[in-house]
Amino acid sequence: MAKKQDQSAFAIVQENFKPYKEKKGEEYMNEKQKEHFKAMLMAWRNQLMEEVDRTVHHLRDDAANYPDPADRATQEEEFSLELRTRDRERKLIKKIDSTIEKIAQDDYGFCESCGIEIGIRRLEARPTADKCIDCKTLDEIREKQWGK
């Protein structure tokens, strides 16, 4: 469920951003591209922060001391799920912040493992990607083989 909510926050952002159209001969990760991705990341971050605010209000406003133990347990489980979701989002916000910092340091859009371009299309789909598709695939294969 948390994954679905993360994607819906990003889906909202994607609806408001047109995919970046590269021009022929355009330099990779130029100022326009960096501005595009920074704006996308900031909008995603803001969307997640709104979710956090909604959760705080929901937990505060809907907290009731139900006399029935089953009702209390249901409410506690609902709150627990919501808090786990927000914890995942908190981690995602940290990743978004570090990605925005990479843009500021001109280190965005290049694979952390091999140094090649990650690619505009991949970054459109996952702006926090820090590895090219080949290195990410290798990581996932290793993870499956070694169970790490």
Protein backbone atom coordinates (compact mmCIF):
# COMPACT_ATOMS: atom_id res chain seq x y z
CA MET A 1 0.00 0.00 0.00
CA ALA A 2 2.84 2.43 0.83
CA LYS A 3 4.43 1.79 -2.53
CA LYS A 4 1.12 2.55 -4.21
CA GLN A 5 0.78 5.84 -2.30
CA ASP A 6 4.36 6.83 -3.22
CA GLN A 7 3.57 6.15 -6.84
CA SER A 8 0.32 8.08 -6.68
CA ALA A 9 2.15 11.13 -5.28
CA PHE A 10 4.64 10.83 -8.12
CA ALA A 11 1.85 10.16 -10.63
CA ILE A 12 0.28 13.47 -9.62
CA VAL A 13 3.61 15.17 -10.26
CA GLN A 14 4.05 13.42 -13.62
CA GLU A 15 0.63 14.62 -14.75
CA ASN A 16 1.75 18.21 -14.24
CA PHE A 17 5.08 17.85 -16.05
CA LYS A 18 5.51 17.30 -19.74
CA PRO A 19 8.35 14.89 -20.50
CA TYR A 20 11.54 16.69 -21.40
CA LYS A 21 12.02 16.83 -25.17
CA GLU A 22 15.66 16.61 -26.11
CA LYS A 23 16.82 18.67 -29.05
CA LYS A 24 19.13 17.17 -31.63
CA GLY A 25 22.75 17.61 -30.56
CA GLU A 26 21.77 18.90 -27.12
CA GLU A 27 24.34 18.36 -24.38
CA TYR A 28 23.31 15.81 -21.76
CA MET A 29 22.35 17.25 -18.37
CA ASN A 30 22.49 20.87 -19.47
CA GLU A 31 20.93 23.67 -17.40
CA LYS A 32 17.44 23.23 -18.91
CA GLN A 33 17.43 19.52 -18.14
CA LYS A 34 18.69 20.08 -14.59
CA GLU A 35 16.01 22.74 -14.04
CA HIS A 36 13.33 20.34 -15.37
CA PHE A 37 14.35 17.53 -13.02
CA LYS A 38 14.84 19.84 -10.04
CA ALA A 39 11.32 21.25 -10.55
CA MET A 40 9.95 17.70 -10.83
CA LEU A 41 11.74 16.58 -7.66
CA MET A 42 10.62 19.67 -5.74
CA ALA A 43 6.99 19.11 -6.78
CA TRP A 44 7.23 15.43 -5.74
CA ARG A 45 8.74 16.43 -2.41
CA ASN A 46 5.98 19.01 -1.84
CA GLN A 47 3.32 16.41 -2.67
CA LEU A 48 4.82 14.01 -0.11
CA MET A 49 5.01 16.77 2.50
CA GLU A 50 1.30 17.46 1.97
CA GLU A 51 0.63 13.77 2.64
CA VAL A 52 2.60 14.04 5.88
CA ASP A 53 0.53 17.06 6.94
CA ARG A 54 -2.69 15.23 6.13
CA THR A 55 -1.58 12.28 8.24
CA VAL A 56 -0.74 14.48 11.21
CA HIS A 57 -4.18 16.10 11.03
CA HIS A 58 -5.88 12.73 10.54
CA LEU A 59 -4.12 11.15 13.52
CA ARG A 60 -4.87 14.14 15.72
CA ASP A 61 -8.48 14.66 14.60
CA ASP A 62 -9.55 11.02 14.36
CA ALA A 63 -7.88 9.75 17.52
CA ALA A 64 -10.67 8.43 19.69
CA ASN A 65 -10.64 6.28 22.76
CA TYR A 66 -13.11 3.63 21.66
CA PRO A 67 -14.60 1.59 24.51
CA ASP A 68 -14.82 -1.50 22.30
CA PRO A 69 -11.44 -3.32 22.14
CA ALA A 70 -12.06 -4.42 18.54
CA ASP A 71 -12.70 -0.84 17.42
CA ARG A 72 -9.60 0.33 19.29
CA ALA A 73 -7.50 -2.41 17.69
CA THR A 74 -8.79 -1.51 14.24
CA GLN A 75 -7.93 2.15 14.78
CA GLU A 76 -4.47 1.29 16.11
CA GLU A 77 -3.78 -0.93 13.11
CA GLU A 78 -4.94 1.81 10.73
CA PHE A 79 -2.69 4.35 12.45
CA SER A 80 0.21 1.90 12.44
CA LEU A 81 -0.11 1.34 8.68
CA GLU A 82 -0.33 5.07 8.09
CA LEU A 83 2.77 5.73 10.20
CA ARG A 84 4.75 3.04 8.35
CA THR A 85 3.73 4.64 5.06
CA ARG A 86 4.86 8.05 6.29
CA ASP A 87 8.17 6.56 7.46
CA ARG A 88 8.78 5.24 3.95
CA GLU A 89 7.86 8.64 2.57
CA ARG A 90 10.25 10.31 5.04
CA LYS A 91 13.05 8.13 3.65
CA LEU A 92 11.96 8.99 0.11
CA ILE A 93 12.01 12.70 0.96
CA LYS A 94 15.60 12.30 2.18
CA LYS A 95 16.48 10.59 -1.12
CA ILE A 96 14.79 13.38 -3.08
CA ASP A 97 16.75 15.96 -1.05
CA SER A 98 20.05 14.19 -1.76
CA THR A 99 19.12 14.01 -5.46
CA ILE A 100 18.42 17.75 -5.51
CA GLU A 101 21.84 18.24 -3.91
CA LYS A 102 23.41 16.14 -6.70
CA ILE A 103 21.82 18.48 -9.24
CA ALA A 104 23.33 21.47 -7.40
CA GLN A 105 26.76 19.78 -7.48
CA ASP A 106 26.49 18.91 -11.21
CA ASP A 107 26.60 15.23 -10.30
CA TYR A 108 23.09 14.29 -11.41
CA GLY A 109 22.19 11.93 -14.22
CA PHE A 110 25.30 9.78 -14.17
CA CYS A 111 25.59 6.23 -12.87
CA GLU A 112 27.23 5.94 -9.44
CA SER A 113 28.74 2.59 -10.42
CA CYS A 114 30.10 3.05 -13.94
CA GLY A 115 29.78 6.78 -14.59
CA ILE A 116 27.80 6.64 -17.83
CA GLU A 117 24.67 8.67 -18.53
CA ILE A 118 21.57 7.25 -16.86
CA GLY A 119 19.39 8.68 -19.61
CA ILE A 120 16.59 11.22 -19.78
CA ARG A 121 13.79 8.63 -20.21
CA ARG A 122 14.91 6.61 -17.18
CA LEU A 123 15.17 9.78 -15.09
CA GLU A 124 11.69 10.83 -16.23
CA ALA A 125 10.34 7.54 -14.92
CA ARG A 126 12.47 7.56 -11.76
CA PRO A 127 14.07 10.94 -11.06
CA THR A 128 15.95 9.61 -8.02
CA ALA A 129 17.69 6.88 -10.05
CA ASP A 130 21.40 6.82 -9.30
CA LYS A 131 22.40 3.89 -11.50
CA CYS A 132 22.07 3.13 -15.19
CA ILE A 133 19.72 0.33 -16.13
CA ASP A 134 22.58 -2.16 -16.68
CA CYS A 135 24.18 -1.59 -13.26
CA LYS A 136 20.79 -1.64 -11.54
CA THR A 137 19.92 -4.91 -13.28
CA LEU A 138 23.23 -6.44 -12.17
CA ASP A 139 22.56 -5.33 -8.58
CA GLU A 140 19.14 -6.97 -8.67
CA ILE A 141 20.56 -10.21 -10.08
CA ARG A 142 23.23 -10.27 -7.35
CA GLU A 143 20.56 -9.57 -4.75
CA LYS A 144 18.48 -12.53 -5.96
CA GLN A 145 21.49 -14.84 -6.06
CA TRP A 146 22.91 -13.93 -2.67
CA GLY A 147 19.69 -12.98 -0.92
CA LYS A 148 21.01 -9.62 0.23
